[in-house]
PDB file of N, CA and C in Angstrom:
ATOM      1  N   MET A   1      24.515 -15.664   7.374  1.00  0.00           N
ATOM      2  CA  MET A   1      24.002 -14.755   8.382  1.00  0.00           C
ATOM      3  C   MET A   1      23.735 -15.554   9.656  1.00  0.00           C
ATOM      4  N   SER A   2      24.243 -15.029  10.753  1.00  0.00           N
ATOM      5  CA  SER A   2      24.046 -15.738  12.022  1.00  0.00           C
ATOM      6  C   SER A   2      22.613 -15.547  12.518  1.00  0.00           C
ATOM      7  N   MET A   3      22.242 -16.357  13.484  1.00  0.00           N
ATOM      8  CA  MET A   3      20.896 -16.243  14.071  1.00  0.00           C
ATOM      9  C   MET A   3      20.717 -14.880  14.724  1.00  0.00           C
ATOM     10  N   TYR A   4      21.784 -14.349  15.361  1.00  0.00           N
ATOM     11  CA  TYR A   4      21.718 -13.039  16.004  1.00  0.00           C
ATOM     12  C   TYR A   4      21.445 -11.946  14.968  1.00  0.00           C
ATOM     13  N   GLU A   5      22.183 -11.966  13.859  1.00  0.00           N
ATOM     14  CA  GLU A   5      21.985 -10.965  12.807  1.00  0.00           C
ATOM     15  C   GLU A   5      20.584 -11.074  12.222  1.00  0.00           C
ATOM     16  N   ARG A   6      20.134 -12.294  12.017  1.00  0.00           N
ATOM     17  CA  ARG A   6      18.792 -12.520  11.469  1.00  0.00           C
ATOM     18  C   ARG A   6      17.726 -11.982  12.425  1.00  0.00           C
ATOM     19  N   CYS A   7      17.906 -12.212  13.709  1.00  0.00           N
ATOM     20  CA  CYS A   7      16.961 -11.732  14.721  1.00  0.00           C
ATOM     21  C   CYS A   7      16.906 -10.211  14.723  1.00  0.00           C
ATOM     22  N   CYS A   8      18.072  -9.563  14.677  1.00  0.00           N
ATOM     23  CA  CYS A   8      18.118  -8.095  14.673  1.00  0.00           C
ATOM     24  C   CYS A   8      17.461  -7.532  13.423  1.00  0.00           C
ATOM     25  N   SER A   9      17.724  -8.129  12.287  1.00  0.00           N
ATOM     26  CA  SER A   9      17.134  -7.676  11.034  1.00  0.00           C
ATOM     27  C   SER A   9      15.617  -7.829  11.048  1.00  0.00           C
ATOM     28  N   THR A  10      15.146  -8.974  11.494  1.00  0.00           N
ATOM     29  CA  THR A  10      13.709  -9.229  11.548  1.00  0.00           C
ATOM     30  C   THR A  10      13.020  -8.273  12.518  1.00  0.00           C
ATOM     31  N   ALA A  11      13.651  -8.023  13.666  1.00  0.00           N
ATOM     32  CA  ALA A  11      13.080  -7.098  14.652  1.00  0.00           C
ATOM     33  C   ALA A  11      13.013  -5.685  14.085  1.00  0.00           C
ATOM     34  N   TYR A  12      14.057  -5.264  13.384  1.00  0.00           N
ATOM     35  CA  TYR A  12      14.072  -3.933  12.784  1.00  0.00           C
ATOM     36  C   TYR A  12      12.915  -3.781  11.799  1.00  0.00           C
ATOM     37  N   TYR A  13      12.744  -4.742  10.921  1.00  0.00           N
ATOM     38  CA  TYR A  13      11.677  -4.642   9.930  1.00  0.00           C
ATOM     39  C   TYR A  13      10.294  -4.733  10.560  1.00  0.00           C
ATOM     40  N   ALA A  14      10.157  -5.480  11.642  1.00  0.00           N
ATOM     41  CA  ALA A  14       8.881  -5.523  12.351  1.00  0.00           C
ATOM     42  C   ALA A  14       8.541  -4.152  12.912  1.00  0.00           C
ATOM     43  N   MET A  15       9.527  -3.469  13.502  1.00  0.00           N
ATOM     44  CA  MET A  15       9.299  -2.122  14.042  1.00  0.00           C
ATOM     45  C   MET A  15       9.037  -1.123  12.922  1.00  0.00           C
ATOM     46  N   PHE A  16       9.768  -1.260  11.815  1.00  0.00           N
ATOM     47  CA  PHE A  16       9.573  -0.362  10.684  1.00  0.00           C
ATOM     48  C   PHE A  16       8.150  -0.480  10.138  1.00  0.00           C
ATOM     49  N   HIS A  17       7.676  -1.690   9.951  1.00  0.00           N
ATOM     50  CA  HIS A  17       6.330  -1.884   9.414  1.00  0.00           C
ATOM     51  C   HIS A  17       5.253  -1.445  10.409  1.00  0.00           C
ATOM     52  N   ALA A  18       5.512  -1.612  11.697  1.00  0.00           N
ATOM     53  CA  ALA A  18       4.575  -1.124  12.714  1.00  0.00           C
ATOM     54  C   ALA A  18       4.503   0.403  12.665  1.00  0.00           C
ATOM     55  N   ALA A  19       5.642   1.047  12.501  1.00  0.00           N
ATOM     56  CA  ALA A  19       5.671   2.510  12.393  1.00  0.00           C
ATOM     57  C   ALA A  19       4.939   2.973  11.143  1.00  0.00           C
ATOM     58  N   LYS A  20       5.145   2.282  10.015  1.00  0.00           N
ATOM     59  CA  LYS A  20       4.435   2.634   8.777  1.00  0.00           C
ATOM     60  C   LYS A  20       2.931   2.491   8.955  1.00  0.00           C
ATOM     61  N   ALA A  21       2.500   1.426   9.635  1.00  0.00           N
ATOM     62  CA  ALA A  21       1.074   1.207   9.868  1.00  0.00           C
ATOM     63  C   ALA A  21       0.497   2.312  10.741  1.00  0.00           C
ATOM     64  N   MET A  22       1.248   2.719  11.762  1.00  0.00           N
ATOM     65  CA  MET A  22       0.797   3.802  12.632  1.00  0.00           C
ATOM     66  C   MET A  22       0.640   5.091  11.833  1.00  0.00           C
ATOM     67  N   LEU A  23       1.603   5.390  10.983  1.00  0.00           N
ATOM     68  CA  LEU A  23       1.530   6.606  10.172  1.00  0.00           C
ATOM     69  C   LEU A  23       0.349   6.552   9.204  1.00  0.00           C
ATOM     70  N   LEU A  24       0.136   5.412   8.586  1.00  0.00           N
ATOM     71  CA  LEU A  24      -0.992   5.274   7.665  1.00  0.00           C
ATOM     72  C   LEU A  24      -2.323   5.448   8.391  1.00  0.00           C
ATOM     73  N   ALA A  25      -2.381   5.009   9.644  1.00  0.00           N
ATOM     74  CA  ALA A  25      -3.615   5.124  10.438  1.00  0.00           C
ATOM     75  C   ALA A  25      -3.981   6.584  10.706  1.00  0.00           C
ATOM     76  N   ILE A  26      -2.983   7.468  10.710  1.00  0.00           N
ATOM     77  CA  ILE A  26      -3.267   8.890  10.934  1.00  0.00           C
ATOM     78  C   ILE A  26      -3.207   9.707   9.644  1.00  0.00           C
ATOM     79  N   GLY A  27      -3.153   8.998   8.511  1.00  0.00           N
ATOM     80  CA  GLY A  27      -3.219   9.667   7.216  1.00  0.00           C
ATOM     81  C   GLY A  27      -1.892  10.144   6.662  1.00  0.00           C
ATOM     82  N   GLU A  28      -0.794   9.698   7.228  1.00  0.00           N
ATOM     83  CA  GLU A  28       0.539  10.059   6.733  1.00  0.00           C
ATOM     84  C   GLU A  28       1.126   8.866   5.991  1.00  0.00           C
ATOM     85  N   ASP A  29       2.078   9.138   5.110  1.00  0.00           N
ATOM     86  CA  ASP A  29       2.742   8.057   4.389  1.00  0.00           C
ATOM     87  C   ASP A  29       4.138   8.510   4.007  1.00  0.00           C
ATOM     88  N   SER A  30       5.033   7.589   3.892  1.00  0.00           N
ATOM     89  CA  SER A  30       6.384   7.882   3.422  1.00  0.00           C
ATOM     90  C   SER A  30       6.808   6.757   2.495  1.00  0.00           C
ATOM     91  N   ARG A  31       7.742   7.066   1.628  1.00  0.00           N
ATOM     92  CA  ARG A  31       8.203   6.061   0.679  1.00  0.00           C
ATOM     93  C   ARG A  31       9.540   5.452   1.065  1.00  0.00           C
ATOM     94  N   THR A  32      10.186   6.044   2.058  1.00  0.00           N
ATOM     95  CA  THR A  32      11.519   5.581   2.432  1.00  0.00           C
ATOM     96  C   THR A  32      11.614   5.353   3.940  1.00  0.00           C
ATOM     97  N   HIS A  33      12.668   4.647   4.341  1.00  0.00           N
ATOM     98  CA  HIS A  33      12.921   4.451   5.763  1.00  0.00           C
ATOM     99  C   HIS A  33      13.205   5.806   6.407  1.00  0.00           C
ATOM    100  N   ARG A  34      14.005   6.613   5.761  1.00  0.00           N
ATOM    101  CA  ARG A  34      14.340   7.939   6.298  1.00  0.00           C
ATOM    102  C   ARG A  34      13.086   8.783   6.457  1.00  0.00           C
ATOM    103  N   GLY A  35      12.188   8.718   5.498  1.00  0.00           N
ATOM    104  CA  GLY A  35      10.935   9.469   5.584  1.00  0.00           C
ATOM    105  C   GLY A  35      10.078   9.003   6.744  1.00  0.00           C
ATOM    106  N   THR A  36      10.059   7.716   6.986  1.00  0.00           N
ATOM    107  CA  THR A  36       9.289   7.170   8.101  1.00  0.00           C
ATOM    108  C   THR A  36       9.877   7.649   9.423  1.00  0.00           C
ATOM    109  N   ILE A  37      11.177   7.598   9.545  1.00  0.00           N
ATOM    110  CA  ILE A  37      11.833   8.069  10.770  1.00  0.00           C
ATOM    111  C   ILE A  37      11.556   9.553  10.978  1.00  0.00           C
ATOM    112  N   TYR A  38      11.619  10.344   9.921  1.00  0.00           N
ATOM    113  CA  TYR A  38      11.350  11.778  10.019  1.00  0.00           C
ATOM    114  C   TYR A  38       9.920  12.037  10.505  1.00  0.00           C
ATOM    115  N   LEU A  39       8.962  11.321   9.973  1.00  0.00           N
ATOM    116  CA  LEU A  39       7.557  11.541  10.363  1.00  0.00           C
ATOM    117  C   LEU A  39       7.281  11.089  11.780  1.00  0.00           C
ATOM    118  N   ILE A  40       8.003  10.091  12.271  1.00  0.00           N
ATOM    119  CA  ILE A  40       7.829   9.631  13.653  1.00  0.00           C
ATOM    120  C   ILE A  40       8.335  10.713  14.566  1.00  0.00           C
TER     121      ILE A  40
END
């Protein structure tokens, strides 16, 4: 995996976990990436 691919992957997961934390803060939860995107 190149440094560029690694950077993109890490950035994606950082945003995903930030979104999950935001949802949990307002009492929502999802079990999947698709569910998180839907709730956002």
